[in-house]
Amino acid sequence: MKLIEGEIGSEYQVEDVELGLALERRLEALGILPGTRLRILNKKSHGAVIIFFFFLRFALGTGIARKIIVKEAAI
């Protein structure tokens, strides 16, 4: 499932990031890499996805959220 398809309030685990090398490295520096658990806080009407991970709130644009593959996190 792509991150953009996730439900608000649900927790997910990142499986893969399918972006260009430079952007993928930037997300890795922020802590978004395979195995990272995150929760979707909100989805804005213009497509931004607000996520929460490592005590941080972060907004991702639609194009990036479509390239992050996630699965539902096990409790």
PDB file of N, CA and C in Angstrom:
ATOM      1  N   MET A   1       0.852  -1.163   0.000  1.00  0.00           N
ATOM      2  CA  MET A   1       0.000   0.000   0.000  1.00  0.00           C
ATOM      3  C   MET A   1       0.902   1.232   0.000  1.00  0.00           C
ATOM      4  N   LYS A   2       0.450   2.261  -0.645  1.00  0.00           N
ATOM      5  CA  LYS A   2       1.189   3.519  -0.662  1.00  0.00           C
ATOM      6  C   LYS A   2       0.747   4.376   0.521  1.00  0.00           C
ATOM      7  N   LEU A   3       1.648   5.176   1.033  1.00  0.00           N
ATOM      8  CA  LEU A   3       1.344   6.017   2.189  1.00  0.00           C
ATOM      9  C   LEU A   3       0.135   6.910   1.935  1.00  0.00           C
ATOM     10  N   ILE A   4      -0.011   7.417   0.739  1.00  0.00           N
ATOM     11  CA  ILE A   4      -1.127   8.306   0.395  1.00  0.00           C
ATOM     12  C   ILE A   4      -2.476   7.611   0.573  1.00  0.00           C
ATOM     13  N   GLU A   5      -2.492   6.278   0.506  1.00  0.00           N
ATOM     14  CA  GLU A   5      -3.720   5.500   0.633  1.00  0.00           C
ATOM     15  C   GLU A   5      -4.075   5.172   2.076  1.00  0.00           C
ATOM     16  N   GLY A   6      -3.192   5.477   3.014  1.00  0.00           N
ATOM     17  CA  GLY A   6      -3.412   5.140   4.418  1.00  0.00           C
ATOM     18  C   GLY A   6      -4.549   5.928   5.049  1.00  0.00           C
ATOM     19  N   GLU A   7      -5.042   5.417   6.155  1.00  0.00           N
ATOM     20  CA  GLU A   7      -6.136   6.036   6.890  1.00  0.00           C
ATOM     21  C   GLU A   7      -5.607   6.938   8.006  1.00  0.00           C
ATOM     22  N   ILE A   8      -6.291   8.038   8.247  1.00  0.00           N
ATOM     23  CA  ILE A   8      -5.931   8.951   9.332  1.00  0.00           C
ATOM     24  C   ILE A   8      -6.055   8.203  10.656  1.00  0.00           C
ATOM     25  N   GLY A   9      -5.033   8.343  11.501  1.00  0.00           N
ATOM     26  CA  GLY A   9      -5.023   7.710  12.814  1.00  0.00           C
ATOM     27  C   GLY A   9      -4.408   6.326  12.835  1.00  0.00           C
ATOM     28  N   SER A  10      -4.155   5.736  11.677  1.00  0.00           N
ATOM     29  CA  SER A  10      -3.579   4.395  11.617  1.00  0.00           C
ATOM     30  C   SER A  10      -2.059   4.452  11.641  1.00  0.00           C
ATOM     31  N   GLU A  11      -1.454   3.359  12.151  1.00  0.00           N
ATOM     32  CA  GLU A  11      -0.002   3.262  12.199  1.00  0.00           C
ATOM     33  C   GLU A  11       0.478   2.309  11.112  1.00  0.00           C
ATOM     34  N   TYR A  12       1.600   2.680  10.513  1.00  0.00           N
ATOM     35  CA  TYR A  12       2.169   1.909   9.417  1.00  0.00           C
ATOM     36  C   TYR A  12       3.667   1.749   9.617  1.00  0.00           C
ATOM     37  N   GLN A  13       4.218   0.771   8.906  1.00  0.00           N
ATOM     38  CA  GLN A  13       5.656   0.554   8.896  1.00  0.00           C
ATOM     39  C   GLN A  13       6.134   0.710   7.457  1.00  0.00           C
ATOM     40  N   VAL A  14       7.180   1.495   7.270  1.00  0.00           N
ATOM     41  CA  VAL A  14       7.727   1.733   5.931  1.00  0.00           C
ATOM     42  C   VAL A  14       8.384   0.455   5.431  1.00  0.00           C
ATOM     43  N   GLU A  15       8.018   0.043   4.224  1.00  0.00           N
ATOM     44  CA  GLU A  15       8.631  -1.124   3.584  1.00  0.00           C
ATOM     45  C   GLU A  15       9.672  -0.719   2.552  1.00  0.00           C
ATOM     46  N   ASP A  16       9.381   0.354   1.798  1.00  0.00           N
ATOM     47  CA  ASP A  16      10.295   0.763   0.731  1.00  0.00           C
ATOM     48  C   ASP A  16      10.040   2.226   0.384  1.00  0.00           C
ATOM     49  N   VAL A  17      11.073   2.874  -0.113  1.00  0.00           N
ATOM     50  CA  VAL A  17      10.971   4.253  -0.585  1.00  0.00           C
ATOM     51  C   VAL A  17      11.440   4.248  -2.033  1.00  0.00           C
ATOM     52  N   GLU A  18      10.557   4.602  -2.959  1.00  0.00           N
ATOM     53  CA  GLU A  18      10.843   4.512  -4.389  1.00  0.00           C
ATOM     54  C   GLU A  18      11.038   5.905  -4.990  1.00  0.00           C
ATOM     55  N   LEU A  19      12.018   6.630  -4.497  1.00  0.00           N
ATOM     56  CA  LEU A  19      12.295   7.991  -4.961  1.00  0.00           C
ATOM     57  C   LEU A  19      13.690   8.046  -5.567  1.00  0.00           C
ATOM     58  N   GLY A  20      14.006   9.171  -6.167  1.00  0.00           N
ATOM     59  CA  GLY A  20      15.353   9.376  -6.668  1.00  0.00           C
ATOM     60  C   GLY A  20      16.353   9.343  -5.522  1.00  0.00           C
ATOM     61  N   LEU A  21      17.598   9.086  -5.839  1.00  0.00           N
ATOM     62  CA  LEU A  21      18.632   8.898  -4.821  1.00  0.00           C
ATOM     63  C   LEU A  21      18.757  10.089  -3.876  1.00  0.00           C
ATOM     64  N   ALA A  22      18.769  11.311  -4.405  1.00  0.00           N
ATOM     65  CA  ALA A  22      18.943  12.490  -3.555  1.00  0.00           C
ATOM     66  C   ALA A  22      17.788  12.647  -2.566  1.00  0.00           C
ATOM     67  N   LEU A  23      16.563  12.482  -3.031  1.00  0.00           N
ATOM     68  CA  LEU A  23      15.405  12.630  -2.156  1.00  0.00           C
ATOM     69  C   LEU A  23      15.305  11.462  -1.179  1.00  0.00           C
ATOM     70  N   GLU A  24      15.670  10.290  -1.633  1.00  0.00           N
ATOM     71  CA  GLU A  24      15.668   9.124  -0.752  1.00  0.00           C
ATOM     72  C   GLU A  24      16.670   9.324   0.387  1.00  0.00           C
ATOM     73  N   ARG A  25      17.830   9.859   0.075  1.00  0.00           N
ATOM     74  CA  ARG A  25      18.848  10.125   1.114  1.00  0.00           C
ATOM     75  C   ARG A  25      18.359  11.192   2.095  1.00  0.00           C
ATOM     76  N   ARG A  26      17.639  12.175   1.609  1.00  0.00           N
ATOM     77  CA  ARG A  26      17.091  13.229   2.474  1.00  0.00           C
ATOM     78  C   ARG A  26      16.089  12.642   3.468  1.00  0.00           C
ATOM     79  N   LEU A  27      15.205  11.775   2.963  1.00  0.00           N
ATOM     80  CA  LEU A  27      14.240  11.135   3.855  1.00  0.00           C
ATOM     81  C   LEU A  27      14.935  10.221   4.859  1.00  0.00           C
ATOM     82  N   GLU A  28      15.987   9.523   4.434  1.00  0.00           N
ATOM     83  CA  GLU A  28      16.759   8.697   5.357  1.00  0.00           C
ATOM     84  C   GLU A  28      17.378   9.545   6.461  1.00  0.00           C
ATOM     85  N   ALA A  29      17.879  10.717   6.105  1.00  0.00           N
ATOM     86  CA  ALA A  29      18.466  11.618   7.102  1.00  0.00           C
ATOM     87  C   ALA A  29      17.423  12.072   8.127  1.00  0.00           C
ATOM     88  N   LEU A  30      16.169  12.169   7.690  1.00  0.00           N
ATOM     89  CA  LEU A  30      15.082  12.542   8.599  1.00  0.00           C
ATOM     90  C   LEU A  30      14.604  11.353   9.433  1.00  0.00           C
ATOM     91  N   GLY A  31      14.956  10.144   8.994  1.00  0.00           N
ATOM     92  CA  GLY A  31      14.550   8.950   9.723  1.00  0.00           C
ATOM     93  C   GLY A  31      13.478   8.130   9.054  1.00  0.00           C
ATOM     94  N   ILE A  32      13.100   8.500   7.837  1.00  0.00           N
ATOM     95  CA  ILE A  32      12.090   7.733   7.106  1.00  0.00           C
ATOM     96  C   ILE A  32      12.807   6.737   6.210  1.00  0.00           C
ATOM     97  N   LEU A  33      12.929   5.501   6.697  1.00  0.00           N
ATOM     98  CA  LEU A  33      13.588   4.450   5.962  1.00  0.00           C
ATOM     99  C   LEU A  33      12.873   3.134   6.266  1.00  0.00           C
ATOM    100  N   PRO A  34      13.147   2.083   5.512  1.00  0.00           N
ATOM    101  CA  PRO A  34      12.458   0.822   5.763  1.00  0.00           C
ATOM    102  C   PRO A  34      12.557   0.412   7.233  1.00  0.00           C
ATOM    103  N   GLY A  35      11.410   0.039   7.791  1.00  0.00           N
ATOM    104  CA  GLY A  35      11.337  -0.345   9.194  1.00  0.00           C
ATOM    105  C   GLY A  35      10.798   0.739  10.112  1.00  0.00           C
ATOM    106  N   THR A  36      10.788   1.980   9.650  1.00  0.00           N
ATOM    107  CA  THR A  36      10.290   3.089  10.460  1.00  0.00           C
ATOM    108  C   THR A  36       8.784   2.979  10.649  1.00  0.00           C
ATOM    109  N   ARG A  37       8.346   3.150  11.894  1.00  0.00           N
ATOM    110  CA  ARG A  37       6.908   3.173  12.189  1.00  0.00           C
ATOM    111  C   ARG A  37       6.444   4.621  12.184  1.00  0.00           C
ATOM    112  N   LEU A  38       5.289   4.851  11.594  1.00  0.00           N
ATOM    113  CA  LEU A  38       4.734   6.198  11.562  1.00  0.00           C
ATOM    114  C   LEU A  38       3.220   6.135  11.660  1.00  0.00           C
ATOM    115  N   ARG A  39       2.629   7.260  12.009  1.00  0.00           N
ATOM    116  CA  ARG A  39       1.174   7.365  12.118  1.00  0.00           C
ATOM    117  C   ARG A  39       0.714   8.535  11.263  1.00  0.00           C
ATOM    118  N   ILE A  40      -0.369   8.361  10.547  1.00  0.00           N
ATOM    119  CA  ILE A  40      -0.933   9.445   9.741  1.00  0.00           C
ATOM    120  C   ILE A  40      -1.810  10.289  10.655  1.00  0.00           C
ATOM    121  N   LEU A  41      -1.440  11.558  10.799  1.00  0.00           N
ATOM    122  CA  LEU A  41      -2.211  12.475  11.635  1.00  0.00           C
ATOM    123  C   LEU A  41      -3.335  13.139  10.859  1.00  0.00           C
ATOM    124  N   ASN A  42      -3.063  13.478   9.601  1.00  0.00           N
ATOM    125  CA  ASN A  42      -4.060  14.198   8.815  1.00  0.00           C
ATOM    126  C   ASN A  42      -3.706  14.115   7.336  1.00  0.00           C
ATOM    127  N   LYS A  43      -4.711  14.332   6.510  1.00  0.00           N
ATOM    128  CA  LYS A  43      -4.512  14.444   5.065  1.00  0.00           C
ATOM    129  C   LYS A  43      -5.206  15.724   4.647  1.00  0.00           C
ATOM    130  N   LYS A  44      -4.470  16.605   4.030  1.00  0.00           N
ATOM    131  CA  LYS A  44      -5.012  17.890   3.597  1.00  0.00           C
ATOM    132  C   LYS A  44      -5.680  17.760   2.237  1.00  0.00           C
ATOM    133  N   SER A  45      -6.598  18.648   1.961  1.00  0.00           N
ATOM    134  CA  SER A  45      -7.350  18.598   0.699  1.00  0.00           C
ATOM    135  C   SER A  45      -6.463  18.778  -0.528  1.00  0.00           C
ATOM    136  N   HIS A  46      -5.355  19.488  -0.381  1.00  0.00           N
ATOM    137  CA  HIS A  46      -4.453  19.681  -1.520  1.00  0.00           C
ATOM    138  C   HIS A  46      -3.466  18.538  -1.662  1.00  0.00           C
ATOM    139  N   GLY A  47      -3.595  17.487  -0.819  1.00  0.00           N
ATOM    140  CA  GLY A  47      -2.808  16.279  -0.997  1.00  0.00           C
ATOM    141  C   GLY A  47      -1.720  16.033   0.011  1.00  0.00           C
ATOM    142  N   ALA A  48      -1.344  17.013   0.827  1.00  0.00           N
ATOM    143  CA  ALA A  48      -0.276  16.792   1.798  1.00  0.00           C
ATOM    144  C   ALA A  48      -0.717  15.772   2.840  1.00  0.00           C
ATOM    145  N   VAL A  49       0.226  14.953   3.274  1.00  0.00           N
ATOM    146  CA  VAL A  49      -0.022  13.959   4.309  1.00  0.00           C
ATOM    147  C   VAL A  49       0.827  14.347   5.519  1.00  0.00           C
ATOM    148  N   ILE A  50       0.167  14.520   6.660  1.00  0.00           N
ATOM    149  CA  ILE A  50       0.866  14.876   7.894  1.00  0.00           C
ATOM    150  C   ILE A  50       1.111  13.584   8.661  1.00  0.00           C
ATOM    151  N   ILE A  51       2.398  13.301   8.947  1.00  0.00           N
ATOM    152  CA  ILE A  51       2.747  12.076   9.657  1.00  0.00           C
ATOM    153  C   ILE A  51       3.433  12.406  10.977  1.00  0.00           C
ATOM    154  N   PHE A  52       3.433  11.428  11.869  1.00  0.00           N
ATOM    155  CA  PHE A  52       4.083  11.554  13.173  1.00  0.00           C
ATOM    156  C   PHE A  52       5.011  10.359  13.333  1.00  0.00           C
ATOM    157  N   PHE A  53       6.288  10.641  13.624  1.00  0.00           N
ATOM    158  CA  PHE A  53       7.268   9.590  13.873  1.00  0.00           C
ATOM    159  C   PHE A  53       8.401  10.171  14.689  1.00  0.00           C
ATOM    160  N   PHE A  54       8.993   9.379  15.562  1.00  0.00           N
ATOM    161  CA  PHE A  54      10.101   9.811  16.418  1.00  0.00           C
ATOM    162  C   PHE A  54       9.819  11.145  17.116  1.00  0.00           C
ATOM    163  N   PHE A  55       8.610  11.333  17.600  1.00  0.00           N
ATOM    164  CA  PHE A  55       8.189  12.548  18.299  1.00  0.00           C
ATOM    165  C   PHE A  55       8.228  13.785  17.406  1.00  0.00           C
ATOM    166  N   LEU A  56       8.149  13.600  16.097  1.00  0.00           N
ATOM    167  CA  LEU A  56       8.137  14.704  15.137  1.00  0.00           C
ATOM    168  C   LEU A  56       6.859  14.672  14.315  1.00  0.00           C
ATOM    169  N   ARG A  57       6.389  15.837  13.963  1.00  0.00           N
ATOM    170  CA  ARG A  57       5.278  15.973  13.033  1.00  0.00           C
ATOM    171  C   ARG A  57       5.875  16.475  11.728  1.00  0.00           C
ATOM    172  N   PHE A  58       5.514  15.847  10.627  1.00  0.00           N
ATOM    173  CA  PHE A  58       6.145  16.164   9.349  1.00  0.00           C
ATOM    174  C   PHE A  58       5.110  16.087   8.236  1.00  0.00           C
ATOM    175  N   ALA A  59       5.184  17.010   7.285  1.00  0.00           N
ATOM    176  CA  ALA A  59       4.267  17.020   6.142  1.00  0.00           C
ATOM    177  C   ALA A  59       5.002  16.531   4.895  1.00  0.00           C
ATOM    178  N   LEU A  60       4.361  15.638   4.179  1.00  0.00           N
ATOM    179  CA  LEU A  60       4.896  15.132   2.919  1.00  0.00           C
ATOM    180  C   LEU A  60       3.922  15.485   1.804  1.00  0.00           C
ATOM    181  N   GLY A  61       4.455  15.920   0.678  1.00  0.00           N
ATOM    182  CA  GLY A  61       3.619  16.221  -0.472  1.00  0.00           C
ATOM    183  C   GLY A  61       3.062  14.956  -1.096  1.00  0.00           C
ATOM    184  N   THR A  62       2.068  15.126  -1.937  1.00  0.00           N
ATOM    185  CA  THR A  62       1.397  13.997  -2.590  1.00  0.00           C
ATOM    186  C   THR A  62       2.372  13.133  -3.382  1.00  0.00           C
ATOM    187  N   GLY A  63       3.235  13.772  -4.162  1.00  0.00           N
ATOM    188  CA  GLY A  63       4.174  13.018  -4.992  1.00  0.00           C
ATOM    189  C   GLY A  63       5.089  12.129  -4.178  1.00  0.00           C
ATOM    190  N   ILE A  64       5.551  12.615  -3.051  1.00  0.00           N
ATOM    191  CA  ILE A  64       6.427  11.814  -2.187  1.00  0.00           C
ATOM    192  C   ILE A  64       5.624  10.724  -1.490  1.00  0.00           C
ATOM    193  N   ALA A  65       4.444  11.062  -0.972  1.00  0.00           N
ATOM    194  CA  ALA A  65       3.620  10.081  -0.259  1.00  0.00           C
ATOM    195  C   ALA A  65       3.208   8.926  -1.171  1.00  0.00           C
ATOM    196  N   ARG A  66       3.125   9.161  -2.475  1.00  0.00           N
ATOM    197  CA  ARG A  66       2.787   8.088  -3.422  1.00  0.00           C
ATOM    198  C   ARG A  66       3.950   7.138  -3.638  1.00  0.00           C
ATOM    199  N   LYS A  67       5.151   7.553  -3.307  1.00  0.00           N
ATOM    200  CA  LYS A  67       6.347   6.738  -3.551  1.00  0.00           C
ATOM    201  C   LYS A  67       6.847   6.004  -2.305  1.00  0.00           C
ATOM    202  N   ILE A  68       6.153   6.177  -1.176  1.00  0.00           N
ATOM    203  CA  ILE A  68       6.537   5.490   0.056  1.00  0.00           C
ATOM    204  C   ILE A  68       5.582   4.315   0.248  1.00  0.00           C
ATOM    205  N   ILE A  69       6.143   3.109   0.230  1.00  0.00           N
ATOM    206  CA  ILE A  69       5.355   1.883   0.364  1.00  0.00           C
ATOM    207  C   ILE A  69       5.344   1.489   1.841  1.00  0.00           C
ATOM    208  N   VAL A  70       4.132   1.254   2.369  1.00  0.00           N
ATOM    209  CA  VAL A  70       3.977   0.921   3.786  1.00  0.00           C
ATOM    210  C   VAL A  70       3.090  -0.307   3.952  1.00  0.00           C
ATOM    211  N   LYS A  71       3.133  -0.865   5.148  1.00  0.00           N
ATOM    212  CA  LYS A  71       2.199  -1.922   5.538  1.00  0.00           C
ATOM    213  C   LYS A  71       1.681  -1.565   6.923  1.00  0.00           C
ATOM    214  N   GLU A  72       0.532  -2.129   7.291  1.00  0.00           N
ATOM    215  CA  GLU A  72      -0.007  -1.855   8.600  1.00  0.00           C
ATOM    216  C   GLU A  72       0.956  -2.375   9.658  1.00  0.00           C
ATOM    217  N   ALA A  73       1.178  -1.559  10.687  1.00  0.00           N
ATOM    218  CA  ALA A  73       2.120  -1.925  11.734  1.00  0.00           C
ATOM    219  C   ALA A  73       1.475  -2.922  12.691  1.00  0.00           C
ATOM    220  N   ALA A  74       2.233  -3.924  13.051  1.00  0.00           N
ATOM    221  CA  ALA A  74       1.769  -4.889  14.045  1.00  0.00           C
ATOM    222  C   ALA A  74       1.890  -4.254  15.422  1.00  0.00           C
ATOM    223  N   ILE A  75       0.948  -4.554  16.271  1.00  0.00           N
ATOM    224  CA  ILE A  75       0.943  -3.941  17.614  1.00  0.00           C
ATOM    225  C   ILE A  75       1.914  -4.631  18.518  1.00  0.00           C
TER     226      ILE A  75
END
